[in-house]
Structures are given as structure tokens and as C-alpha cells.
Amino acid sequence: MPPIPVDSYDAAIVLGAMVRPDGGPSPAMVRRVEHAVRLAQAGVVGHLLMSGGAVCHPTPEARVMRDMAVVAGIRPERVATEEGSLNTIGNALLSRPIVAQRGWKRLLLVTDACHIPRSLYVFHRLGLPVRPAAALPEGWPLREWWGAWLREAAALPWTVMRVEYGKLRNPP
């Protein structure tokens, strides 16, 4: 039986997560990168765009994620980085010129499932037509996972205000 055809995408934008004090990836980062690598290895995406700056550690999240993807077997020329963003809004704003420069049109957005609704809102409002590709934790449901959903629910109204205020101040 032939494999089920899947859509192919130019790239997956992989949102950063915390880099631990020792420079290693947090569980969320591991989950997101592993999911993106599986998509790339399966031929679903041509490239990975790792997005995340130096938030809690001097090494940018995107650099740690790129190194993880390369170690997992993704060729370095298939992995781009955006190393300046400090939050989801920054991920979208700073990924946008990289996407435009490379001519990518069909995009996936890789992040944790609880982060997908807010991330999709931000990326769509800031001009990046992404489709979701949620990275799911093993061992559902975890106490931490429920806490993450609650944090995301609380963050959504604040994010909407920041995005809309920014669009009013800086119309396209």
C-alpha cells in the first residue's frame, strides 16, 4: 500500500523555548525540535527556521535548536536561524524578513499545542500565513501541561492588546 500523501511545506518555523543554565535544552525545546526534525526527515518540510533569541541564557535559543537539528541528521543548509526575538511577537516580526528573502510561501509553525492558538493569532495578524504543527508531550495529562494551558489562556488577552496596539502605531 503506498504511503498516504502529505502536504509539503517550504519551511517550518520552530519557536524557541528555554535554554537551561547549563546551556542545554529544556523539555519544551527538545519536544519542538524533535517534532520539526521528524517533519523534515519525512519530507513534509524543506527547511527549518529556528526562532528565538538569548532570553534566559547568553546563547540564543535558535542556535541551540539548530545544533540539535544538525546532530539529528538535518543538513546545516536546511536550517536557518532567527536569533533576535525575545517572545512570540518577536518570533513573527523577525522571521518575516527571512521568510520573504528565501521566498518561502507554505509554512508550518511548530510549538507546543498549548501555545498554538496564541502563536497562530500573532503570526497571522503580523502577515505570516502559517499552519499549525503542534508538538505534543508524552504522558498526557501532566500537571505542568495543564499549568501551561492556563498560562497561555492568561497571556492571550495581553498579546492581543500588544499586537493590535503595534499595528495601530505601525500600519502596513
N, C-alpha and C. Protein backbone atom coordinates (compact mmCIF):
# COMPACT_ATOMS: atom_id res chain seq x y z
N MET A 1 0.85 -1.18 0.00
CA MET A 1 0.00 0.00 0.00
C MET A 1 0.90 1.25 0.00
N PRO A 2 0.66 2.19 -0.93
CA PRO A 2 1.51 3.39 -0.97
C PRO A 2 1.27 4.27 0.25
N PRO A 3 2.29 5.07 0.61
CA PRO A 3 2.11 5.96 1.76
C PRO A 3 1.03 7.00 1.48
N ILE A 4 0.39 7.43 2.53
CA ILE A 4 -0.63 8.47 2.42
C ILE A 4 0.08 9.78 2.06
N PRO A 5 -0.35 10.45 0.98
CA PRO A 5 0.31 11.70 0.61
C PRO A 5 0.08 12.77 1.68
N VAL A 6 1.10 13.56 1.88
CA VAL A 6 1.00 14.67 2.83
C VAL A 6 1.33 15.96 2.10
N ASP A 7 0.80 17.05 2.61
CA ASP A 7 1.16 18.35 2.06
C ASP A 7 2.64 18.57 2.28
N SER A 8 3.26 19.29 1.37
CA SER A 8 4.64 19.65 1.60
C SER A 8 4.71 21.17 1.80
N TYR A 9 5.63 21.56 2.62
CA TYR A 9 5.77 22.97 3.01
C TYR A 9 7.20 23.41 2.73
N ASP A 10 7.34 24.70 2.44
CA ASP A 10 8.68 25.24 2.20
C ASP A 10 9.52 25.18 3.46
N ALA A 11 8.89 25.51 4.59
CA ALA A 11 9.64 25.55 5.85
C ALA A 11 8.71 25.39 7.04
N ALA A 12 9.32 25.00 8.14
CA ALA A 12 8.64 25.01 9.44
C ALA A 12 9.37 26.04 10.30
N ILE A 13 8.62 26.96 10.85
CA ILE A 13 9.18 27.91 11.81
C ILE A 13 9.02 27.25 13.17
N VAL A 14 10.15 27.05 13.85
CA VAL A 14 10.14 26.36 15.14
C VAL A 14 10.39 27.41 16.22
N LEU A 15 9.40 27.58 17.11
CA LEU A 15 9.52 28.60 18.14
C LEU A 15 10.39 28.12 19.29
N GLY A 16 11.20 29.03 19.78
CA GLY A 16 12.14 28.72 20.84
C GLY A 16 11.47 28.42 22.16
N ALA A 17 12.27 27.85 23.02
CA ALA A 17 11.88 27.56 24.40
C ALA A 17 13.14 27.73 25.24
N MET A 18 12.99 27.65 26.53
CA MET A 18 14.08 27.98 27.44
C MET A 18 15.34 27.14 27.21
N VAL A 19 16.48 27.84 27.27
CA VAL A 19 17.78 27.18 27.34
C VAL A 19 18.13 27.14 28.82
N ARG A 20 18.46 25.98 29.31
CA ARG A 20 18.78 25.80 30.74
C ARG A 20 20.07 26.51 31.11
N PRO A 21 20.28 26.77 32.39
CA PRO A 21 21.51 27.46 32.82
C PRO A 21 22.80 26.79 32.34
N ASP A 22 22.78 25.47 32.16
CA ASP A 22 23.97 24.77 31.69
C ASP A 22 24.13 24.83 30.17
N GLY A 23 23.20 25.52 29.48
CA GLY A 23 23.26 25.65 28.04
C GLY A 23 22.50 24.57 27.29
N GLY A 24 21.92 23.63 28.02
CA GLY A 24 21.16 22.55 27.39
C GLY A 24 19.72 22.94 27.15
N PRO A 25 19.03 22.17 26.34
CA PRO A 25 17.63 22.48 26.00
C PRO A 25 16.67 22.06 27.10
N SER A 26 15.61 22.84 27.24
CA SER A 26 14.51 22.47 28.15
C SER A 26 13.69 21.36 27.49
N PRO A 27 12.85 20.67 28.26
CA PRO A 27 11.99 19.65 27.65
C PRO A 27 11.12 20.20 26.52
N ALA A 28 10.62 21.42 26.65
CA ALA A 28 9.80 22.01 25.59
C ALA A 28 10.61 22.18 24.32
N MET A 29 11.85 22.63 24.45
CA MET A 29 12.70 22.80 23.27
C MET A 29 12.98 21.45 22.61
N VAL A 30 13.29 20.45 23.41
CA VAL A 30 13.53 19.12 22.86
C VAL A 30 12.31 18.63 22.10
N ARG A 31 11.15 18.78 22.69
CA ARG A 31 9.89 18.34 22.07
C ARG A 31 9.67 19.03 20.72
N ARG A 32 9.86 20.33 20.68
CA ARG A 32 9.63 21.10 19.45
C ARG A 32 10.63 20.73 18.36
N VAL A 33 11.90 20.64 18.73
CA VAL A 33 12.92 20.32 17.73
C VAL A 33 12.75 18.89 17.22
N GLU A 34 12.48 17.96 18.11
CA GLU A 34 12.27 16.57 17.66
C GLU A 34 11.10 16.49 16.68
N HIS A 35 10.03 17.23 16.95
CA HIS A 35 8.87 17.22 16.06
C HIS A 35 9.26 17.82 14.70
N ALA A 36 9.97 18.93 14.71
CA ALA A 36 10.39 19.57 13.46
C ALA A 36 11.33 18.67 12.67
N VAL A 37 12.23 18.00 13.34
CA VAL A 37 13.16 17.09 12.67
C VAL A 37 12.39 15.94 12.01
N ARG A 38 11.40 15.41 12.72
CA ARG A 38 10.59 14.34 12.12
C ARG A 38 9.89 14.84 10.85
N LEU A 39 9.36 16.06 10.89
CA LEU A 39 8.70 16.63 9.71
C LEU A 39 9.69 16.79 8.55
N ALA A 40 10.89 17.25 8.85
CA ALA A 40 11.91 17.43 7.81
C ALA A 40 12.37 16.08 7.25
N GLN A 41 12.59 15.12 8.12
CA GLN A 41 13.05 13.80 7.67
C GLN A 41 11.98 13.08 6.85
N ALA A 42 10.71 13.36 7.13
CA ALA A 42 9.61 12.73 6.39
C ALA A 42 9.33 13.45 5.07
N GLY A 43 10.02 14.55 4.81
CA GLY A 43 9.81 15.30 3.58
C GLY A 43 8.61 16.21 3.61
N VAL A 44 8.05 16.44 4.78
CA VAL A 44 6.90 17.34 4.90
C VAL A 44 7.35 18.79 4.75
N VAL A 45 8.53 19.12 5.25
CA VAL A 45 9.08 20.47 5.13
C VAL A 45 10.47 20.42 4.51
N GLY A 46 10.77 21.44 3.73
CA GLY A 46 12.08 21.51 3.09
C GLY A 46 13.14 22.11 3.98
N HIS A 47 12.74 23.08 4.79
CA HIS A 47 13.69 23.79 5.65
C HIS A 47 13.10 23.99 7.03
N LEU A 48 13.99 24.26 7.97
CA LEU A 48 13.59 24.62 9.33
C LEU A 48 14.11 26.02 9.61
N LEU A 49 13.27 26.86 10.18
CA LEU A 49 13.68 28.18 10.64
C LEU A 49 13.52 28.19 12.15
N MET A 50 14.66 28.13 12.84
CA MET A 50 14.66 28.14 14.30
C MET A 50 14.58 29.59 14.75
N SER A 51 13.61 29.90 15.62
CA SER A 51 13.36 31.28 16.01
C SER A 51 13.42 31.43 17.52
N GLY A 52 14.37 32.23 17.98
CA GLY A 52 14.47 32.51 19.41
C GLY A 52 15.82 33.11 19.77
N GLY A 53 15.78 34.17 20.55
CA GLY A 53 17.00 34.86 20.95
C GLY A 53 17.52 34.38 22.28
N ALA A 54 18.43 35.19 22.82
CA ALA A 54 19.05 34.90 24.11
C ALA A 54 18.15 35.45 25.21
N VAL A 55 17.22 34.64 25.68
CA VAL A 55 16.22 35.09 26.64
C VAL A 55 16.70 34.85 28.06
N CYS A 56 16.94 33.60 28.43
CA CYS A 56 17.35 33.26 29.81
C CYS A 56 18.79 32.77 29.88
N HIS A 57 19.47 32.74 28.76
CA HIS A 57 20.84 32.24 28.68
C HIS A 57 21.55 33.05 27.60
N PRO A 58 22.87 33.24 27.71
CA PRO A 58 23.57 34.04 26.69
C PRO A 58 23.54 33.44 25.28
N THR A 59 23.33 32.14 25.18
CA THR A 59 23.26 31.51 23.86
C THR A 59 21.83 31.62 23.34
N PRO A 60 21.64 32.13 22.13
CA PRO A 60 20.28 32.22 21.58
C PRO A 60 19.63 30.85 21.46
N GLU A 61 18.34 30.81 21.75
CA GLU A 61 17.57 29.57 21.65
C GLU A 61 17.69 28.97 20.25
N ALA A 62 17.63 29.82 19.22
CA ALA A 62 17.69 29.33 17.84
C ALA A 62 18.99 28.59 17.56
N ARG A 63 20.08 29.04 18.12
CA ARG A 63 21.37 28.39 17.89
C ARG A 63 21.39 27.00 18.52
N VAL A 64 20.85 26.88 19.73
CA VAL A 64 20.78 25.57 20.39
C VAL A 64 19.90 24.64 19.57
N MET A 65 18.76 25.14 19.09
CA MET A 65 17.85 24.33 18.30
C MET A 65 18.49 23.90 16.97
N ARG A 66 19.20 24.81 16.33
CA ARG A 66 19.88 24.47 15.08
C ARG A 66 20.87 23.34 15.30
N ASP A 67 21.67 23.46 16.36
CA ASP A 67 22.66 22.42 16.66
C ASP A 67 21.99 21.08 16.92
N MET A 68 20.85 21.08 17.62
CA MET A 68 20.12 19.85 17.88
C MET A 68 19.64 19.21 16.56
N ALA A 69 19.13 20.03 15.65
CA ALA A 69 18.62 19.52 14.38
C ALA A 69 19.74 18.93 13.54
N VAL A 70 20.89 19.59 13.52
CA VAL A 70 22.03 19.11 12.75
C VAL A 70 22.53 17.79 13.32
N VAL A 71 22.64 17.70 14.64
CA VAL A 71 23.06 16.45 15.28
C VAL A 71 22.07 15.33 14.96
N ALA A 72 20.79 15.67 14.81
CA ALA A 72 19.76 14.68 14.49
C ALA A 72 19.76 14.28 13.02
N GLY A 73 20.62 14.89 12.21
CA GLY A 73 20.75 14.48 10.83
C GLY A 73 20.24 15.44 9.77
N ILE A 74 19.77 16.61 10.16
CA ILE A 74 19.31 17.60 9.17
C ILE A 74 20.53 18.35 8.66
N ARG A 75 20.66 18.44 7.34
CA ARG A 75 21.81 19.14 6.77
C ARG A 75 21.79 20.62 7.18
N PRO A 76 22.95 21.17 7.54
CA PRO A 76 23.00 22.57 8.00
C PRO A 76 22.39 23.57 7.03
N GLU A 77 22.50 23.33 5.73
CA GLU A 77 21.94 24.28 4.77
C GLU A 77 20.41 24.27 4.76
N ARG A 78 19.81 23.31 5.41
CA ARG A 78 18.34 23.26 5.52
C ARG A 78 17.84 23.95 6.79
N VAL A 79 18.76 24.47 7.62
CA VAL A 79 18.37 25.07 8.89
C VAL A 79 18.81 26.53 8.95
N ALA A 80 17.85 27.42 9.03
CA ALA A 80 18.11 28.85 9.18
C ALA A 80 17.81 29.24 10.63
N THR A 81 18.37 30.35 11.06
CA THR A 81 18.11 30.82 12.42
C THR A 81 17.70 32.28 12.43
N GLU A 82 16.84 32.59 13.37
CA GLU A 82 16.46 33.96 13.72
C GLU A 82 16.81 34.07 15.19
N GLU A 83 17.82 34.85 15.53
CA GLU A 83 18.39 34.84 16.88
C GLU A 83 18.13 36.10 17.69
N GLY A 84 17.19 36.94 17.28
CA GLY A 84 16.96 38.18 17.99
C GLY A 84 15.68 38.28 18.79
N SER A 85 14.73 37.38 18.57
CA SER A 85 13.43 37.52 19.22
C SER A 85 13.46 37.12 20.68
N LEU A 86 12.62 37.79 21.46
CA LEU A 86 12.53 37.51 22.89
C LEU A 86 11.15 37.01 23.31
N ASN A 87 10.21 36.95 22.35
CA ASN A 87 8.85 36.49 22.64
C ASN A 87 8.17 36.10 21.33
N THR A 88 6.93 35.68 21.41
CA THR A 88 6.20 35.20 20.24
C THR A 88 6.00 36.31 19.20
N ILE A 89 5.73 37.52 19.64
CA ILE A 89 5.59 38.63 18.70
C ILE A 89 6.91 38.85 17.96
N GLY A 90 8.00 38.84 18.69
CA GLY A 90 9.31 38.96 18.06
C GLY A 90 9.61 37.82 17.11
N ASN A 91 9.20 36.60 17.48
CA ASN A 91 9.39 35.46 16.58
C ASN A 91 8.78 35.78 15.21
N ALA A 92 7.54 36.28 15.22
CA ALA A 92 6.86 36.57 13.96
C ALA A 92 7.51 37.73 13.22
N LEU A 93 7.74 38.82 13.92
CA LEU A 93 8.30 40.01 13.26
C LEU A 93 9.69 39.75 12.67
N LEU A 94 10.53 39.02 13.39
CA LEU A 94 11.89 38.81 12.93
C LEU A 94 12.03 37.63 11.98
N SER A 95 11.05 36.74 11.96
CA SER A 95 11.05 35.64 10.99
C SER A 95 10.55 36.11 9.62
N ARG A 96 9.68 37.11 9.64
CA ARG A 96 9.06 37.58 8.40
C ARG A 96 10.07 37.96 7.31
N PRO A 97 11.13 38.74 7.61
CA PRO A 97 12.07 39.07 6.52
C PRO A 97 12.87 37.87 6.03
N ILE A 98 13.14 36.91 6.90
CA ILE A 98 13.87 35.71 6.48
C ILE A 98 13.00 34.90 5.52
N VAL A 99 11.73 34.75 5.87
CA VAL A 99 10.78 34.03 5.03
C VAL A 99 10.67 34.72 3.66
N ALA A 100 10.56 36.04 3.65
CA ALA A 100 10.44 36.79 2.40
C ALA A 100 11.70 36.66 1.56
N GLN A 101 12.86 36.79 2.19
CA GLN A 101 14.14 36.71 1.47
C GLN A 101 14.30 35.35 0.80
N ARG A 102 13.87 34.31 1.44
CA ARG A 102 14.03 32.95 0.90
C ARG A 102 12.88 32.55 -0.03
N GLY A 103 11.85 33.39 -0.08
CA GLY A 103 10.73 33.11 -0.97
C GLY A 103 9.83 31.97 -0.50
N TRP A 104 9.85 31.70 0.79
CA TRP A 104 9.01 30.63 1.33
C TRP A 104 7.56 31.12 1.39
N LYS A 105 6.65 30.30 0.92
CA LYS A 105 5.23 30.65 0.92
C LYS A 105 4.41 29.73 1.82
N ARG A 106 4.68 28.43 1.76
CA ARG A 106 3.91 27.45 2.53
C ARG A 106 4.69 27.15 3.81
N LEU A 107 4.09 27.53 4.94
CA LEU A 107 4.80 27.47 6.22
C LEU A 107 4.03 26.70 7.28
N LEU A 108 4.76 25.92 8.06
CA LEU A 108 4.22 25.31 9.27
C LEU A 108 4.78 26.06 10.45
N LEU A 109 4.06 26.03 11.55
CA LEU A 109 4.52 26.63 12.79
C LEU A 109 4.58 25.53 13.84
N VAL A 110 5.79 25.28 14.34
CA VAL A 110 6.00 24.23 15.34
C VAL A 110 6.19 24.87 16.70
N THR A 111 5.30 24.49 17.61
CA THR A 111 5.40 24.91 19.01
C THR A 111 4.54 23.93 19.80
N ASP A 112 4.51 24.09 21.10
CA ASP A 112 3.68 23.21 21.93
C ASP A 112 2.21 23.46 21.63
N ALA A 113 1.40 22.43 21.79
CA ALA A 113 -0.03 22.53 21.48
C ALA A 113 -0.70 23.67 22.24
N CYS A 114 -0.34 23.86 23.49
CA CYS A 114 -0.97 24.91 24.28
C CYS A 114 -0.61 26.31 23.76
N HIS A 115 0.50 26.43 23.04
CA HIS A 115 0.98 27.70 22.52
C HIS A 115 0.45 27.98 21.11
N ILE A 116 -0.13 26.98 20.48
CA ILE A 116 -0.60 27.12 19.09
C ILE A 116 -1.65 28.23 18.92
N PRO A 117 -2.72 28.29 19.71
CA PRO A 117 -3.73 29.34 19.45
C PRO A 117 -3.16 30.75 19.48
N ARG A 118 -2.37 31.06 20.48
CA ARG A 118 -1.80 32.41 20.60
C ARG A 118 -0.79 32.66 19.48
N SER A 119 0.02 31.66 19.19
CA SER A 119 1.04 31.82 18.14
C SER A 119 0.41 32.02 16.77
N LEU A 120 -0.63 31.24 16.47
CA LEU A 120 -1.31 31.41 15.18
C LEU A 120 -1.90 32.81 15.06
N TYR A 121 -2.53 33.28 16.13
CA TYR A 121 -3.08 34.63 16.10
C TYR A 121 -1.98 35.65 15.76
N VAL A 122 -0.85 35.57 16.49
CA VAL A 122 0.24 36.53 16.30
C VAL A 122 0.78 36.45 14.87
N PHE A 123 1.11 35.25 14.42
CA PHE A 123 1.71 35.12 13.09
C PHE A 123 0.75 35.56 11.99
N HIS A 124 -0.51 35.20 12.09
CA HIS A 124 -1.47 35.62 11.05
C HIS A 124 -1.66 37.13 11.05
N ARG A 125 -1.80 37.73 12.21
CA ARG A 125 -2.00 39.19 12.28
C ARG A 125 -0.78 39.96 11.82
N LEU A 126 0.41 39.35 11.94
CA LEU A 126 1.63 40.03 11.53
C LEU A 126 2.11 39.58 10.15
N GLY A 127 1.21 38.94 9.39
CA GLY A 127 1.48 38.71 7.99
C GLY A 127 2.18 37.43 7.60
N LEU A 128 2.21 36.44 8.47
CA LEU A 128 2.81 35.16 8.11
C LEU A 128 1.73 34.07 8.12
N PRO A 129 1.37 33.58 6.93
CA PRO A 129 0.30 32.58 6.83
C PRO A 129 0.79 31.18 7.17
N VAL A 130 0.84 30.88 8.43
CA VAL A 130 1.34 29.58 8.90
C VAL A 130 0.20 28.62 9.19
N ARG A 131 0.52 27.33 9.12
CA ARG A 131 -0.39 26.27 9.54
C ARG A 131 0.20 25.63 10.78
N PRO A 132 -0.61 25.17 11.72
CA PRO A 132 -0.08 24.62 12.97
C PRO A 132 0.50 23.21 12.81
N ALA A 133 1.54 22.96 13.57
CA ALA A 133 2.14 21.62 13.66
C ALA A 133 2.55 21.44 15.13
N ALA A 134 1.59 21.06 15.95
CA ALA A 134 1.79 21.02 17.40
C ALA A 134 2.72 19.89 17.83
N ALA A 135 3.63 20.22 18.71
CA ALA A 135 4.50 19.24 19.37
C ALA A 135 3.80 18.84 20.67
N LEU A 136 3.52 17.57 20.81
CA LEU A 136 2.77 17.09 21.97
C LEU A 136 3.67 16.37 22.96
N PRO A 137 3.43 16.56 24.24
CA PRO A 137 4.23 15.87 25.25
C PRO A 137 3.81 14.41 25.37
N GLU A 138 4.71 13.60 25.85
CA GLU A 138 4.36 12.22 26.16
C GLU A 138 3.75 12.19 27.55
N GLY A 139 2.93 11.19 27.83
CA GLY A 139 2.38 11.03 29.17
C GLY A 139 1.26 11.99 29.51
N TRP A 140 0.37 12.20 28.60
CA TRP A 140 -0.76 13.10 28.80
C TRP A 140 -1.68 12.58 29.88
N PRO A 141 -2.31 13.34 30.76
CA PRO A 141 -2.03 14.76 31.00
C PRO A 141 -1.02 14.93 32.14
N LEU A 142 -0.15 15.84 31.98
CA LEU A 142 0.82 16.16 33.02
C LEU A 142 0.38 17.43 33.74
N ARG A 143 0.73 17.51 35.00
CA ARG A 143 0.38 18.70 35.79
C ARG A 143 0.97 19.96 35.15
N GLU A 144 2.21 19.86 34.69
CA GLU A 144 2.87 21.01 34.07
C GLU A 144 2.15 21.43 32.79
N TRP A 145 1.62 20.44 32.06
CA TRP A 145 0.93 20.72 30.82
C TRP A 145 -0.34 21.52 31.08
N TRP A 146 -1.08 21.15 32.11
CA TRP A 146 -2.29 21.90 32.46
C TRP A 146 -1.92 23.32 32.88
N GLY A 147 -0.83 23.46 33.62
CA GLY A 147 -0.37 24.80 34.00
C GLY A 147 0.00 25.64 32.79
N ALA A 148 0.61 25.00 31.80
CA ALA A 148 0.98 25.72 30.57
C ALA A 148 -0.26 26.22 29.83
N TRP A 149 -1.31 25.40 29.77
CA TRP A 149 -2.55 25.83 29.14
C TRP A 149 -3.15 27.03 29.87
N LEU A 150 -3.09 27.01 31.20
CA LEU A 150 -3.62 28.14 31.97
C LEU A 150 -2.80 29.41 31.73
N ARG A 151 -1.47 29.27 31.68
CA ARG A 151 -0.61 30.44 31.40
C ARG A 151 -0.93 31.01 30.03
N GLU A 152 -1.11 30.14 29.04
CA GLU A 152 -1.42 30.61 27.68
C GLU A 152 -2.77 31.33 27.64
N ALA A 153 -3.76 30.80 28.35
CA ALA A 153 -5.07 31.45 28.39
C ALA A 153 -4.95 32.85 28.99
N ALA A 154 -4.13 32.98 30.03
CA ALA A 154 -3.94 34.29 30.66
C ALA A 154 -3.15 35.24 29.76
N ALA A 155 -2.22 34.70 28.97
CA ALA A 155 -1.37 35.53 28.12
C ALA A 155 -2.07 36.03 26.87
N LEU A 156 -3.10 35.34 26.42
CA LEU A 156 -3.74 35.69 25.15
C LEU A 156 -4.29 37.13 25.12
N PRO A 157 -5.06 37.58 26.11
CA PRO A 157 -5.58 38.96 26.02
C PRO A 157 -4.45 40.01 25.98
N TRP A 158 -3.41 39.81 26.76
CA TRP A 158 -2.28 40.74 26.77
C TRP A 158 -1.60 40.76 25.41
N THR A 159 -1.43 39.59 24.81
CA THR A 159 -0.81 39.51 23.49
C THR A 159 -1.66 40.22 22.44
N VAL A 160 -2.98 40.01 22.48
CA VAL A 160 -3.87 40.67 21.53
C VAL A 160 -3.72 42.18 21.65
N MET A 161 -3.70 42.70 22.85
CA MET A 161 -3.54 44.15 23.04
C MET A 161 -2.21 44.63 22.46
N ARG A 162 -1.13 43.91 22.72
CA ARG A 162 0.19 44.33 22.23
C ARG A 162 0.26 44.28 20.70
N VAL A 163 -0.28 43.23 20.10
CA VAL A 163 -0.25 43.12 18.64
C VAL A 163 -1.09 44.22 18.00
N GLU A 164 -2.30 44.40 18.48
CA GLU A 164 -3.19 45.40 17.87
C GLU A 164 -2.67 46.82 18.10
N TYR A 165 -2.11 47.10 19.26
CA TYR A 165 -1.53 48.41 19.51
C TYR A 165 -0.35 48.65 18.56
N GLY A 166 0.47 47.62 18.37
CA GLY A 166 1.60 47.73 17.44
C GLY A 166 1.14 47.96 16.02
N LYS A 167 0.06 47.32 15.61
CA LYS A 167 -0.45 47.50 14.25
C LYS A 167 -1.03 48.91 14.08
N LEU A 168 -1.62 49.46 15.14
CA LEU A 168 -2.12 50.84 15.05
C LEU A 168 -0.96 51.84 14.94
N ARG A 169 0.09 51.60 15.68
CA ARG A 169 1.25 52.50 15.68
C ARG A 169 2.06 52.37 14.40
N ASN A 170 2.10 51.16 13.82
CA ASN A 170 2.92 50.91 12.64
C ASN A 170 2.08 50.22 11.56
N PRO A 171 1.17 50.96 10.93
CA PRO A 171 0.33 50.32 9.90
C PRO A 171 1.19 49.83 8.74
N PRO A 172 0.70 48.78 8.04
CA PRO A 172 1.49 48.22 6.92
C PRO A 172 1.71 49.19 5.81
